[in-house]
């Protein structure tokens, strides 16, 4: 939800591609927009002292569930967020 809200707030576009894949041991989510993009390291560092919202909060919540989150973005090229969450606490890697 936060990732899609960020598309509306910051990407400068009104649509995003959302893909969800469910496998026996894990759920995979990809959210991609073709908006303005950003430098993930700069944004995550800026969010360091804020409450647990934004991209840093998304990553922390995913990690707390045993998952992984990768944020890929470049200025002018859009953003993609990749998430892997284990099902029933299992690792999810075949």
N, C-alpha and C. Protein backbone atom coordinates (compact mmCIF):
# COMPACT_ATOMS: atom_id res chain seq x y z
N UNK A 1 0.83 -1.18 0.00
CA UNK A 1 0.00 0.00 0.00
C UNK A 1 0.88 1.25 0.00
N UNK A 2 1.89 1.28 0.85
CA UNK A 2 2.79 2.44 0.91
C UNK A 2 3.51 2.64 -0.42
N UNK A 3 3.94 1.56 -1.05
CA UNK A 3 4.64 1.67 -2.34
C UNK A 3 3.73 2.29 -3.39
N UNK A 4 2.47 1.88 -3.43
CA UNK A 4 1.54 2.45 -4.41
C UNK A 4 1.21 3.90 -4.07
N UNK A 5 1.12 4.22 -2.79
CA UNK A 5 0.90 5.61 -2.39
C UNK A 5 2.07 6.48 -2.84
N UNK A 6 3.29 5.94 -2.77
CA UNK A 6 4.46 6.69 -3.23
C UNK A 6 4.42 6.95 -4.73
N UNK A 7 3.87 6.03 -5.50
CA UNK A 7 3.72 6.26 -6.95
C UNK A 7 2.88 7.51 -7.16
N UNK A 8 1.75 7.60 -6.47
CA UNK A 8 0.86 8.74 -6.63
C UNK A 8 1.52 10.02 -6.13
N UNK A 9 2.19 9.96 -4.96
CA UNK A 9 2.78 11.14 -4.35
C UNK A 9 4.02 11.66 -5.07
N UNK A 10 4.88 10.75 -5.54
CA UNK A 10 6.21 11.19 -5.95
C UNK A 10 6.61 10.87 -7.39
N UNK A 11 6.02 9.89 -8.02
CA UNK A 11 6.52 9.44 -9.32
C UNK A 11 6.12 10.33 -10.48
N UNK A 12 5.05 11.11 -10.30
CA UNK A 12 4.61 11.96 -11.40
C UNK A 12 3.84 11.20 -12.47
N UNK A 13 3.35 10.01 -12.14
CA UNK A 13 2.53 9.21 -13.06
C UNK A 13 1.28 8.77 -12.31
N UNK A 14 0.30 8.29 -13.06
CA UNK A 14 -0.94 7.87 -12.42
C UNK A 14 -1.21 6.37 -12.56
N UNK A 15 -0.17 5.61 -12.91
CA UNK A 15 -0.36 4.16 -13.01
C UNK A 15 0.94 3.45 -12.65
N UNK A 16 0.78 2.18 -12.29
CA UNK A 16 1.92 1.33 -11.96
C UNK A 16 1.56 -0.09 -12.34
N UNK A 17 2.57 -0.89 -12.60
CA UNK A 17 2.37 -2.30 -12.90
C UNK A 17 2.61 -3.09 -11.61
N UNK A 18 1.63 -3.90 -11.23
CA UNK A 18 1.74 -4.72 -10.03
C UNK A 18 1.64 -6.18 -10.45
N UNK A 19 2.64 -6.96 -10.08
CA UNK A 19 2.65 -8.40 -10.39
C UNK A 19 2.79 -9.17 -9.08
N UNK A 20 1.97 -10.19 -8.92
CA UNK A 20 2.00 -11.03 -7.73
C UNK A 20 2.11 -12.48 -8.18
N UNK A 21 3.08 -13.18 -7.62
CA UNK A 21 3.28 -14.60 -7.96
C UNK A 21 3.33 -15.38 -6.65
N UNK A 22 2.51 -16.42 -6.57
CA UNK A 22 2.46 -17.26 -5.38
C UNK A 22 3.06 -18.61 -5.71
N UNK A 23 4.05 -19.01 -4.93
CA UNK A 23 4.67 -20.32 -5.07
C UNK A 23 4.49 -21.07 -3.76
N UNK A 24 4.78 -22.36 -3.72
CA UNK A 24 4.54 -23.13 -2.50
C UNK A 24 5.21 -22.57 -1.24
N UNK A 25 6.40 -21.99 -1.37
CA UNK A 25 7.13 -21.53 -0.19
C UNK A 25 7.25 -20.02 -0.06
N UNK A 26 6.82 -19.27 -1.07
CA UNK A 26 6.99 -17.82 -1.00
C UNK A 26 6.00 -17.10 -1.90
N UNK A 27 5.78 -15.83 -1.56
CA UNK A 27 4.98 -14.93 -2.38
C UNK A 27 5.93 -13.85 -2.89
N UNK A 28 5.83 -13.57 -4.18
CA UNK A 28 6.69 -12.57 -4.82
C UNK A 28 5.82 -11.42 -5.32
N UNK A 29 6.24 -10.20 -5.06
CA UNK A 29 5.51 -9.01 -5.47
C UNK A 29 6.47 -8.07 -6.18
N UNK A 30 6.03 -7.53 -7.30
CA UNK A 30 6.79 -6.52 -8.02
C UNK A 30 5.88 -5.34 -8.29
N UNK A 31 6.33 -4.14 -7.94
CA UNK A 31 5.61 -2.91 -8.23
C UNK A 31 6.55 -2.04 -9.04
N UNK A 32 6.10 -1.63 -10.23
CA UNK A 32 6.96 -0.86 -11.13
C UNK A 32 6.20 0.34 -11.68
N UNK A 33 6.87 1.48 -11.69
CA UNK A 33 6.31 2.65 -12.36
C UNK A 33 7.34 3.20 -13.34
N UNK A 34 6.88 4.03 -14.23
CA UNK A 34 7.77 4.67 -15.21
C UNK A 34 7.83 6.17 -14.94
N UNK A 35 7.89 6.51 -13.66
CA UNK A 35 7.90 7.90 -13.24
C UNK A 35 9.29 8.51 -13.23
N UNK A 36 9.46 9.52 -12.38
CA UNK A 36 10.70 10.30 -12.40
C UNK A 36 11.89 9.58 -11.79
N UNK A 37 11.65 8.57 -10.95
CA UNK A 37 12.76 7.85 -10.34
C UNK A 37 13.46 8.67 -9.27
N UNK A 38 14.40 8.06 -8.57
CA UNK A 38 15.12 8.71 -7.49
C UNK A 38 16.34 7.87 -7.14
N UNK A 39 17.17 8.40 -6.25
CA UNK A 39 18.33 7.65 -5.75
C UNK A 39 17.91 6.98 -4.44
N UNK A 40 17.72 5.65 -4.44
CA UNK A 40 17.24 4.97 -3.23
C UNK A 40 18.10 5.21 -1.99
N UNK A 41 19.42 5.23 -2.13
CA UNK A 41 20.29 5.42 -0.97
C UNK A 41 20.04 6.78 -0.31
N UNK A 42 19.85 7.81 -1.11
CA UNK A 42 19.59 9.15 -0.58
C UNK A 42 18.26 9.19 0.15
N UNK A 43 17.23 8.62 -0.45
CA UNK A 43 15.89 8.64 0.17
C UNK A 43 15.88 7.83 1.46
N UNK A 44 16.48 6.65 1.45
CA UNK A 44 16.50 5.81 2.65
C UNK A 44 17.29 6.48 3.78
N UNK A 45 18.37 7.16 3.44
CA UNK A 45 19.15 7.87 4.46
C UNK A 45 18.35 9.03 5.04
N UNK A 46 17.62 9.74 4.19
CA UNK A 46 16.82 10.88 4.64
C UNK A 46 15.69 10.41 5.56
N UNK A 47 15.16 9.20 5.32
CA UNK A 47 14.08 8.66 6.13
C UNK A 47 14.58 8.06 7.45
N UNK A 48 15.88 8.02 7.67
CA UNK A 48 16.47 7.29 8.80
C UNK A 48 15.87 7.68 10.15
N UNK A 49 15.66 8.95 10.40
CA UNK A 49 15.20 9.39 11.72
C UNK A 49 13.69 9.62 11.79
N UNK A 50 12.97 9.29 10.76
CA UNK A 50 11.53 9.48 10.77
C UNK A 50 10.83 8.27 11.36
N UNK A 51 9.51 8.41 11.51
CA UNK A 51 8.73 7.26 11.96
C UNK A 51 8.81 6.17 10.91
N UNK A 52 8.25 5.02 11.20
CA UNK A 52 8.36 3.86 10.33
C UNK A 52 7.36 3.89 9.18
N UNK A 53 7.41 4.95 8.40
CA UNK A 53 6.61 5.05 7.19
C UNK A 53 7.57 5.16 6.02
N UNK A 54 7.06 5.27 4.84
CA UNK A 54 7.92 5.42 3.68
C UNK A 54 8.62 4.13 3.33
N UNK A 55 9.60 4.24 2.44
CA UNK A 55 10.29 3.05 1.94
C UNK A 55 11.07 2.32 3.02
N UNK A 56 11.68 3.06 3.92
CA UNK A 56 12.42 2.41 5.01
C UNK A 56 11.47 1.57 5.86
N UNK A 57 10.29 2.11 6.16
CA UNK A 57 9.30 1.36 6.92
C UNK A 57 8.82 0.12 6.19
N UNK A 58 8.63 0.24 4.88
CA UNK A 58 8.24 -0.91 4.06
C UNK A 58 9.29 -2.01 4.20
N UNK A 59 10.55 -1.64 4.00
CA UNK A 59 11.63 -2.64 4.10
C UNK A 59 11.70 -3.27 5.48
N UNK A 60 11.57 -2.47 6.52
CA UNK A 60 11.66 -3.00 7.89
C UNK A 60 10.52 -3.98 8.17
N UNK A 61 9.31 -3.66 7.72
CA UNK A 61 8.17 -4.57 7.95
C UNK A 61 8.36 -5.87 7.19
N UNK A 62 8.86 -5.80 5.97
CA UNK A 62 9.09 -7.01 5.18
C UNK A 62 10.17 -7.87 5.83
N UNK A 63 11.26 -7.25 6.26
CA UNK A 63 12.33 -8.00 6.93
C UNK A 63 11.84 -8.63 8.23
N UNK A 64 10.95 -7.93 8.96
CA UNK A 64 10.41 -8.47 10.21
C UNK A 64 9.60 -9.75 9.97
N UNK A 65 9.06 -9.89 8.76
CA UNK A 65 8.30 -11.09 8.40
C UNK A 65 9.19 -12.17 7.77
N UNK A 66 10.50 -11.94 7.77
CA UNK A 66 11.42 -12.91 7.20
C UNK A 66 11.59 -12.77 5.70
N UNK A 67 11.13 -11.66 5.15
CA UNK A 67 11.19 -11.46 3.71
C UNK A 67 12.36 -10.61 3.27
N UNK A 68 12.38 -10.35 1.97
CA UNK A 68 13.42 -9.52 1.36
C UNK A 68 12.75 -8.45 0.52
N UNK A 69 13.39 -7.29 0.45
CA UNK A 69 12.86 -6.17 -0.34
C UNK A 69 14.02 -5.49 -1.06
N UNK A 70 13.87 -5.31 -2.35
CA UNK A 70 14.89 -4.62 -3.14
C UNK A 70 14.23 -3.44 -3.83
N UNK A 71 14.85 -2.28 -3.73
CA UNK A 71 14.32 -1.07 -4.34
C UNK A 71 15.28 -0.65 -5.45
N UNK A 72 14.79 -0.67 -6.68
CA UNK A 72 15.59 -0.32 -7.84
C UNK A 72 15.03 0.96 -8.46
N UNK A 73 15.85 1.98 -8.61
CA UNK A 73 15.37 3.22 -9.20
C UNK A 73 16.54 4.03 -9.72
N UNK A 74 16.26 4.77 -10.78
CA UNK A 74 17.24 5.72 -11.34
C UNK A 74 16.47 6.95 -11.78
N UNK A 75 17.09 8.10 -11.59
CA UNK A 75 16.46 9.34 -12.00
C UNK A 75 16.06 9.28 -13.47
N UNK A 76 14.83 9.63 -13.76
CA UNK A 76 14.33 9.65 -15.12
C UNK A 76 13.93 8.30 -15.68
N UNK A 77 14.10 7.22 -14.90
CA UNK A 77 13.82 5.88 -15.43
C UNK A 77 12.78 5.10 -14.64
N UNK A 78 12.20 5.68 -13.62
CA UNK A 78 11.18 4.97 -12.86
C UNK A 78 11.75 4.15 -11.72
N UNK A 79 10.86 3.39 -11.11
CA UNK A 79 11.20 2.64 -9.90
C UNK A 79 10.57 1.26 -9.94
N UNK A 80 11.28 0.28 -9.39
CA UNK A 80 10.73 -1.05 -9.22
C UNK A 80 11.04 -1.51 -7.80
N UNK A 81 10.02 -2.04 -7.13
CA UNK A 81 10.19 -2.61 -5.80
C UNK A 81 9.90 -4.10 -5.91
N UNK A 82 10.86 -4.91 -5.48
CA UNK A 82 10.73 -6.37 -5.54
C UNK A 82 10.67 -6.91 -4.11
N UNK A 83 9.67 -7.74 -3.85
CA UNK A 83 9.46 -8.27 -2.51
C UNK A 83 9.34 -9.79 -2.58
N UNK A 84 9.97 -10.47 -1.62
CA UNK A 84 9.78 -11.91 -1.44
C UNK A 84 9.42 -12.14 0.01
N UNK A 85 8.26 -12.78 0.22
CA UNK A 85 7.82 -13.11 1.58
C UNK A 85 7.67 -14.61 1.70
N UNK A 86 8.26 -15.21 2.73
CA UNK A 86 8.09 -16.65 2.91
C UNK A 86 6.66 -16.97 3.33
N UNK A 87 6.18 -18.13 2.94
CA UNK A 87 4.86 -18.60 3.33
C UNK A 87 5.02 -19.47 4.57
N UNK A 88 4.23 -19.23 5.59
CA UNK A 88 4.26 -20.03 6.82
C UNK A 88 5.65 -20.09 7.45
N UNK A 89 6.41 -19.01 7.34
CA UNK A 89 7.71 -18.95 7.96
C UNK A 89 8.80 -19.77 7.29
N UNK A 90 8.49 -20.39 6.17
CA UNK A 90 9.51 -21.17 5.45
C UNK A 90 10.35 -20.24 4.60
N UNK A 91 11.52 -20.69 4.22
CA UNK A 91 12.48 -19.85 3.52
C UNK A 91 12.00 -19.37 2.17
N UNK A 92 11.33 -20.17 1.38
CA UNK A 92 10.83 -19.73 0.09
C UNK A 92 11.81 -19.85 -1.05
N UNK A 93 13.01 -20.25 -0.77
CA UNK A 93 14.00 -20.43 -1.84
C UNK A 93 14.12 -21.92 -2.12
N UNK A 94 13.60 -22.34 -3.29
CA UNK A 94 13.57 -23.74 -3.69
C UNK A 94 14.66 -24.54 -3.25
